[in-house]
Amino acid sequence: KPNVSVIVGQLYPEGGARRDAGFSIF
């Protein structure tokens, strides 16, 4: 559980709103 979410975050090194959108898709 914690590690699959961490990998999602690491796919977006630039951060920003697109990262939040990516987490919403996830």
PDB file of all heavy atoms in Angstrom:
ATOM      1  N   LYS A   1       0.789  -1.232   0.000  1.00  0.00           N
ATOM      2  CA  LYS A   1       0.000   0.000   0.000  1.00  0.00           C
ATOM      3  C   LYS A   1       0.824   1.287   0.000  1.00  0.00           C
ATOM      4  O   LYS A   1       0.582   2.160  -0.835  1.00  0.00           O
ATOM      5  CB  LYS A   1      -0.957   0.001   1.195  1.00  0.00           C
ATOM      6  CG  LYS A   1      -2.244  -0.731   0.962  1.00  0.00           C
ATOM      7  CD  LYS A   1      -3.066  -0.159  -0.166  1.00  0.00           C
ATOM      8  CE  LYS A   1      -3.632   1.215   0.146  1.00  0.00           C
ATOM      9  NZ  LYS A   1      -4.424   1.740  -0.993  1.00  0.00           N
ATOM     10  N   PRO A   2       1.765   1.487   0.919  1.00  0.00           N
ATOM     11  CA  PRO A   2       2.467   2.777   0.914  1.00  0.00           C
ATOM     12  C   PRO A   2       3.369   2.939  -0.294  1.00  0.00           C
ATOM     13  O   PRO A   2       3.559   4.042  -0.797  1.00  0.00           O
ATOM     14  CB  PRO A   2       3.280   2.748   2.214  1.00  0.00           C
ATOM     15  CG  PRO A   2       3.533   1.306   2.460  1.00  0.00           C
ATOM     16  CD  PRO A   2       2.285   0.597   1.985  1.00  0.00           C
ATOM     17  N   ASN A   3       3.897   1.834  -0.786  1.00  0.00           N
ATOM     18  CA  ASN A   3       4.935   1.922  -1.812  1.00  0.00           C
ATOM     19  C   ASN A   3       4.386   2.127  -3.216  1.00  0.00           C
ATOM     20  O   ASN A   3       5.022   2.777  -4.044  1.00  0.00           O
ATOM     21  CB  ASN A   3       5.812   0.665  -1.739  1.00  0.00           C
ATOM     22  CG  ASN A   3       6.573   0.617  -0.433  1.00  0.00           C
ATOM     23  OD1 ASN A   3       7.282   1.552  -0.078  1.00  0.00           O
ATOM     24  ND2 ASN A   3       6.396  -0.450   0.327  1.00  0.00           N
ATOM     25  N   VAL A   4       3.196   1.616  -3.491  1.00  0.00           N
ATOM     26  CA  VAL A   4       2.624   1.868  -4.805  1.00  0.00           C
ATOM     27  C   VAL A   4       2.298   3.358  -4.948  1.00  0.00           C
ATOM     28  O   VAL A   4       2.469   3.948  -6.030  1.00  0.00           O
ATOM     29  CB  VAL A   4       1.378   0.972  -5.045  1.00  0.00           C
ATOM     30  CG1 VAL A   4       0.197   1.378  -4.183  1.00  0.00           C
ATOM     31  CG2 VAL A   4       0.990   0.969  -6.517  1.00  0.00           C
ATOM     32  N   SER A   5       1.875   4.014  -3.864  1.00  0.00           N
ATOM     33  CA  SER A   5       1.591   5.449  -3.913  1.00  0.00           C
ATOM     34  C   SER A   5       2.874   6.266  -4.063  1.00  0.00           C
ATOM     35  O   SER A   5       2.892   7.295  -4.751  1.00  0.00           O
ATOM     36  CB  SER A   5       0.850   5.891  -2.649  1.00  0.00           C
ATOM     37  OG  SER A   5      -0.388   5.216  -2.533  1.00  0.00           O
ATOM     38  N   VAL A   6       3.936   5.819  -3.419  1.00  0.00           N
ATOM     39  CA  VAL A   6       5.224   6.516  -3.548  1.00  0.00           C
ATOM     40  C   VAL A   6       5.715   6.470  -4.991  1.00  0.00           C
ATOM     41  O   VAL A   6       6.226   7.459  -5.527  1.00  0.00           O
ATOM     42  CB  VAL A   6       6.266   5.910  -2.593  1.00  0.00           C
ATOM     43  CG1 VAL A   6       7.661   6.423  -2.919  1.00  0.00           C
ATOM     44  CG2 VAL A   6       5.914   6.257  -1.154  1.00  0.00           C
ATOM     45  N   ILE A   7       5.562   5.314  -5.648  1.00  0.00           N
ATOM     46  CA  ILE A   7       5.993   5.208  -7.048  1.00  0.00           C
ATOM     47  C   ILE A   7       5.199   6.174  -7.915  1.00  0.00           C
ATOM     48  O   ILE A   7       5.749   6.824  -8.821  1.00  0.00           O
ATOM     49  CB  ILE A   7       5.837   3.764  -7.567  1.00  0.00           C
ATOM     50  CG1 ILE A   7       6.687   2.798  -6.737  1.00  0.00           C
ATOM     51  CG2 ILE A   7       6.275   3.669  -9.027  1.00  0.00           C
ATOM     52  CD1 ILE A   7       6.452   1.330  -7.061  1.00  0.00           C
ATOM     53  N   VAL A   8       3.903   6.311  -7.655  1.00  0.00           N
ATOM     54  CA  VAL A   8       3.100   7.286  -8.404  1.00  0.00           C
ATOM     55  C   VAL A   8       3.707   8.674  -8.262  1.00  0.00           C
ATOM     56  O   VAL A   8       3.894   9.393  -9.246  1.00  0.00           O
ATOM     57  CB  VAL A   8       1.633   7.285  -7.922  1.00  0.00           C
ATOM     58  CG1 VAL A   8       0.853   8.416  -8.584  1.00  0.00           C
ATOM     59  CG2 VAL A   8       0.958   5.963  -8.237  1.00  0.00           C
ATOM     60  N   GLY A   9       4.025   9.058  -7.025  1.00  0.00           N
ATOM     61  CA  GLY A   9       4.611  10.380  -6.803  1.00  0.00           C
ATOM     62  C   GLY A   9       5.929  10.571  -7.529  1.00  0.00           C
ATOM     63  O   GLY A   9       6.215  11.646  -8.061  1.00  0.00           O
ATOM     64  N   GLN A  10       6.750   9.513  -7.598  1.00  0.00           N
ATOM     65  CA  GLN A  10       8.057   9.623  -8.246  1.00  0.00           C
ATOM     66  C   GLN A  10       7.957   9.701  -9.767  1.00  0.00           C
ATOM     67  O   GLN A  10       8.932  10.064 -10.430  1.00  0.00           O
ATOM     68  CB  GLN A  10       8.933   8.446  -7.835  1.00  0.00           C
ATOM     69  CG  GLN A  10       9.360   8.500  -6.377  1.00  0.00           C
ATOM     70  CD  GLN A  10      10.300   7.381  -5.990  1.00  0.00           C
ATOM     71  OE1 GLN A  10      10.794   6.638  -6.836  1.00  0.00           O
ATOM     72  NE2 GLN A  10      10.556   7.250  -4.691  1.00  0.00           N
ATOM     73  N   LEU A  11       6.813   9.371 -10.331  1.00  0.00           N
ATOM     74  CA  LEU A  11       6.620   9.536 -11.771  1.00  0.00           C
ATOM     75  C   LEU A  11       6.432  10.999 -12.158  1.00  0.00           C
ATOM     76  O   LEU A  11       6.438  11.331 -13.342  1.00  0.00           O
ATOM     77  CB  LEU A  11       5.393   8.739 -12.240  1.00  0.00           C
ATOM     78  CG  LEU A  11       5.506   7.205 -12.187  1.00  0.00           C
ATOM     79  CD1 LEU A  11       4.161   6.576 -12.550  1.00  0.00           C
ATOM     80  CD2 LEU A  11       6.597   6.704 -13.123  1.00  0.00           C
ATOM     81  N   TYR A  12       6.274  11.889 -11.163  1.00  0.00           N
ATOM     82  CA  TYR A  12       6.037  13.313 -11.406  1.00  0.00           C
ATOM     83  C   TYR A  12       7.081  14.153 -10.677  1.00  0.00           C
ATOM     84  O   TYR A  12       6.763  14.878  -9.722  1.00  0.00           O
ATOM     85  CB  TYR A  12       4.649  13.723 -10.929  1.00  0.00           C
ATOM     86  CG  TYR A  12       3.525  12.999 -11.632  1.00  0.00           C
ATOM     87  CD1 TYR A  12       3.038  11.786 -11.139  1.00  0.00           C
ATOM     88  CD2 TYR A  12       2.941  13.517 -12.779  1.00  0.00           C
ATOM     89  CE1 TYR A  12       2.015  11.118 -11.775  1.00  0.00           C
ATOM     90  CE2 TYR A  12       1.912  12.862 -13.426  1.00  0.00           C
ATOM     91  CZ  TYR A  12       1.451  11.658 -12.915  1.00  0.00           C
ATOM     92  OH  TYR A  12       0.432  11.003 -13.546  1.00  0.00           O
ATOM     93  N   PRO A  13       8.345  14.081 -11.081  1.00  0.00           N
ATOM     94  CA  PRO A  13       9.374  14.846 -10.377  1.00  0.00           C
ATOM     95  C   PRO A  13       9.160  16.355 -10.458  1.00  0.00           C
ATOM     96  O   PRO A  13       9.665  17.108  -9.625  1.00  0.00           O
ATOM     97  CB  PRO A  13      10.670  14.436 -11.093  1.00  0.00           C
ATOM     98  CG  PRO A  13      10.232  13.956 -12.437  1.00  0.00           C
ATOM     99  CD  PRO A  13       8.887  13.324 -12.217  1.00  0.00           C
ATOM    100  N   GLU A  14       8.381  16.799 -11.466  1.00  0.00           N
ATOM    101  CA  GLU A  14       8.153  18.237 -11.622  1.00  0.00           C
ATOM    102  C   GLU A  14       7.083  18.764 -10.682  1.00  0.00           C
ATOM    103  O   GLU A  14       6.949  19.974 -10.485  1.00  0.00           O
ATOM    104  CB  GLU A  14       7.737  18.541 -13.069  1.00  0.00           C
ATOM    105  CG  GLU A  14       6.304  18.187 -13.447  1.00  0.00           C
ATOM    106  CD  GLU A  14       6.061  16.698 -13.681  1.00  0.00           C
ATOM    107  OE1 GLU A  14       7.008  15.898 -13.561  1.00  0.00           O
ATOM    108  OE2 GLU A  14       4.912  16.326 -13.988  1.00  0.00           O
ATOM    109  N   GLY A  15       6.271  17.868 -10.068  1.00  0.00           N
ATOM    110  CA  GLY A  15       5.218  18.299  -9.161  1.00  0.00           C
ATOM    111  C   GLY A  15       4.104  19.009  -9.897  1.00  0.00           C
ATOM    112  O   GLY A  15       3.833  18.753 -11.072  1.00  0.00           O
ATOM    113  N   GLY A  16       3.430  19.953  -9.231  1.00  0.00           N
ATOM    114  CA  GLY A  16       2.413  20.775  -9.861  1.00  0.00           C
ATOM    115  C   GLY A  16       1.041  20.133  -9.885  1.00  0.00           C
ATOM    116  O   GLY A  16       0.802  19.057  -9.336  1.00  0.00           O
ATOM    117  N   ALA A  17       0.094  20.850 -10.550  1.00  0.00           N
ATOM    118  CA  ALA A  17      -1.295  20.406 -10.594  1.00  0.00           C
ATOM    119  C   ALA A  17      -1.449  19.086 -11.342  1.00  0.00           C
ATOM    120  O   ALA A  17      -2.362  18.301 -11.053  1.00  0.00           O
ATOM    121  CB  ALA A  17      -2.160  21.490 -11.241  1.00  0.00           C
ATOM    122  N   ARG A  18      -0.558  18.814 -12.339  1.00  0.00           N
ATOM    123  CA  ARG A  18      -0.663  17.563 -13.091  1.00  0.00           C
ATOM    124  C   ARG A  18      -0.445  16.358 -12.167  1.00  0.00           C
ATOM    125  O   ARG A  18      -1.018  15.292 -12.368  1.00  0.00           O
ATOM    126  CB  ARG A  18       0.353  17.544 -14.236  1.00  0.00           C
ATOM    127  CG  ARG A  18       0.088  16.451 -15.268  1.00  0.00           C
ATOM    128  CD  ARG A  18       0.963  16.661 -16.488  1.00  0.00           C
ATOM    129  NE  ARG A  18       2.359  16.376 -16.179  1.00  0.00           N
ATOM    130  CZ  ARG A  18       2.925  15.180 -16.398  1.00  0.00           C
ATOM    131  NH1 ARG A  18       2.230  14.198 -16.930  1.00  0.00           N
ATOM    132  NH2 ARG A  18       4.198  14.981 -16.104  1.00  0.00           N
ATOM    133  N   ARG A  19       0.387  16.557 -11.169  1.00  0.00           N
ATOM    134  CA  ARG A  19       0.612  15.493 -10.181  1.00  0.00           C
ATOM    135  C   ARG A  19      -0.674  15.200  -9.400  1.00  0.00           C
ATOM    136  O   ARG A  19      -1.038  14.039  -9.190  1.00  0.00           O
ATOM    137  CB  ARG A  19       1.736  15.921  -9.248  1.00  0.00           C
ATOM    138  CG  ARG A  19       2.085  14.940  -8.137  1.00  0.00           C
ATOM    139  CD  ARG A  19       3.118  15.612  -7.243  1.00  0.00           C
ATOM    140  NE  ARG A  19       3.452  14.796  -6.100  1.00  0.00           N
ATOM    141  CZ  ARG A  19       4.685  14.394  -5.813  1.00  0.00           C
ATOM    142  NH1 ARG A  19       5.685  14.696  -6.610  1.00  0.00           N
ATOM    143  NH2 ARG A  19       4.911  13.696  -4.724  1.00  0.00           N
ATOM    144  N   ASP A  20      -1.377  16.268  -8.988  1.00  0.00           N
ATOM    145  CA  ASP A  20      -2.647  16.075  -8.290  1.00  0.00           C
ATOM    146  C   ASP A  20      -3.650  15.375  -9.191  1.00  0.00           C
ATOM    147  O   ASP A  20      -4.399  14.495  -8.747  1.00  0.00           O
ATOM    148  CB  ASP A  20      -3.214  17.423  -7.844  1.00  0.00           C
ATOM    149  CG  ASP A  20      -2.506  17.974  -6.608  1.00  0.00           C
ATOM    150  OD1 ASP A  20      -1.623  17.274  -6.069  1.00  0.00           O
ATOM    151  OD2 ASP A  20      -2.834  19.096  -6.198  1.00  0.00           O
ATOM    152  N   ALA A  21      -3.678  15.769 -10.478  1.00  0.00           N
ATOM    153  CA  ALA A  21      -4.580  15.112 -11.419  1.00  0.00           C
ATOM    154  C   ALA A  21      -4.211  13.637 -11.577  1.00  0.00           C
ATOM    155  O   ALA A  21      -5.085  12.765 -11.670  1.00  0.00           O
ATOM    156  CB  ALA A  21      -4.534  15.824 -12.764  1.00  0.00           C
ATOM    157  N   GLY A  22      -2.897  13.343 -11.604  1.00  0.00           N
ATOM    158  CA  GLY A  22      -2.441  11.957 -11.698  1.00  0.00           C
ATOM    159  C   GLY A  22      -2.884  11.140 -10.506  1.00  0.00           C
ATOM    160  O   GLY A  22      -3.320   9.985 -10.652  1.00  0.00           O
ATOM    161  N   PHE A  23      -2.802  11.719  -9.314  1.00  0.00           N
ATOM    162  CA  PHE A  23      -3.258  11.003  -8.122  1.00  0.00           C
ATOM    163  C   PHE A  23      -4.770  10.796  -8.147  1.00  0.00           C
ATOM    164  O   PHE A  23      -5.272   9.782  -7.654  1.00  0.00           O
ATOM    165  CB  PHE A  23      -2.849  11.754  -6.854  1.00  0.00           C
ATOM    166  CG  PHE A  23      -1.524  11.294  -6.291  1.00  0.00           C
ATOM    167  CD1 PHE A  23      -0.368  12.020  -6.527  1.00  0.00           C
ATOM    168  CD2 PHE A  23      -1.432  10.147  -5.546  1.00  0.00           C
ATOM    169  CE1 PHE A  23       0.855  11.600  -6.026  1.00  0.00           C
ATOM    170  CE2 PHE A  23      -0.217   9.707  -5.023  1.00  0.00           C
ATOM    171  CZ  PHE A  23       0.923  10.439  -5.272  1.00  0.00           C
ATOM    172  N   SER A  24      -5.513  11.734  -8.734  1.00  0.00           N
ATOM    173  CA  SER A  24      -6.951  11.548  -8.843  1.00  0.00           C
ATOM    174  C   SER A  24      -7.285  10.385  -9.782  1.00  0.00           C
ATOM    175  O   SER A  24      -8.198   9.590  -9.516  1.00  0.00           O
ATOM    176  CB  SER A  24      -7.620  12.836  -9.339  1.00  0.00           C
ATOM    177  OG  SER A  24      -7.552  13.843  -8.363  1.00  0.00           O
ATOM    178  N   ILE A  25      -6.536  10.278 -10.891  1.00  0.00           N
ATOM    179  CA  ILE A  25      -6.718   9.143 -11.803  1.00  0.00           C
ATOM    180  C   ILE A  25      -6.377   7.843 -11.087  1.00  0.00           C
ATOM    181  O   ILE A  25      -7.113   6.851 -11.158  1.00  0.00           O
ATOM    182  CB  ILE A  25      -5.851   9.319 -13.063  1.00  0.00           C
ATOM    183  CG1 ILE A  25      -6.340  10.505 -13.887  1.00  0.00           C
ATOM    184  CG2 ILE A  25      -5.856   8.049 -13.913  1.00  0.00           C
ATOM    185  CD1 ILE A  25      -5.411  10.888 -15.025  1.00  0.00           C
ATOM    186  N   PHE A  26      -5.258   7.842 -10.382  1.00  0.00           N
ATOM    187  CA  PHE A  26      -4.835   6.666  -9.616  1.00  0.00           C
ATOM    188  C   PHE A  26      -5.902   6.285  -8.601  1.00  0.00           C
ATOM    189  O   PHE A  26      -6.227   5.106  -8.416  1.00  0.00           O
ATOM    190  CB  PHE A  26      -3.508   6.985  -8.923  1.00  0.00           C
ATOM    191  CG  PHE A  26      -3.017   5.922  -7.985  1.00  0.00           C
ATOM    192  CD1 PHE A  26      -2.556   4.706  -8.457  1.00  0.00           C
ATOM    193  CD2 PHE A  26      -2.991   6.149  -6.612  1.00  0.00           C
ATOM    194  CE1 PHE A  26      -2.083   3.728  -7.586  1.00  0.00           C
ATOM    195  CE2 PHE A  26      -2.533   5.193  -5.735  1.00  0.00           C
ATOM    196  CZ  PHE A  26      -2.075   3.973  -6.225  1.00  0.00           C
TER     197      PHE A  26
END
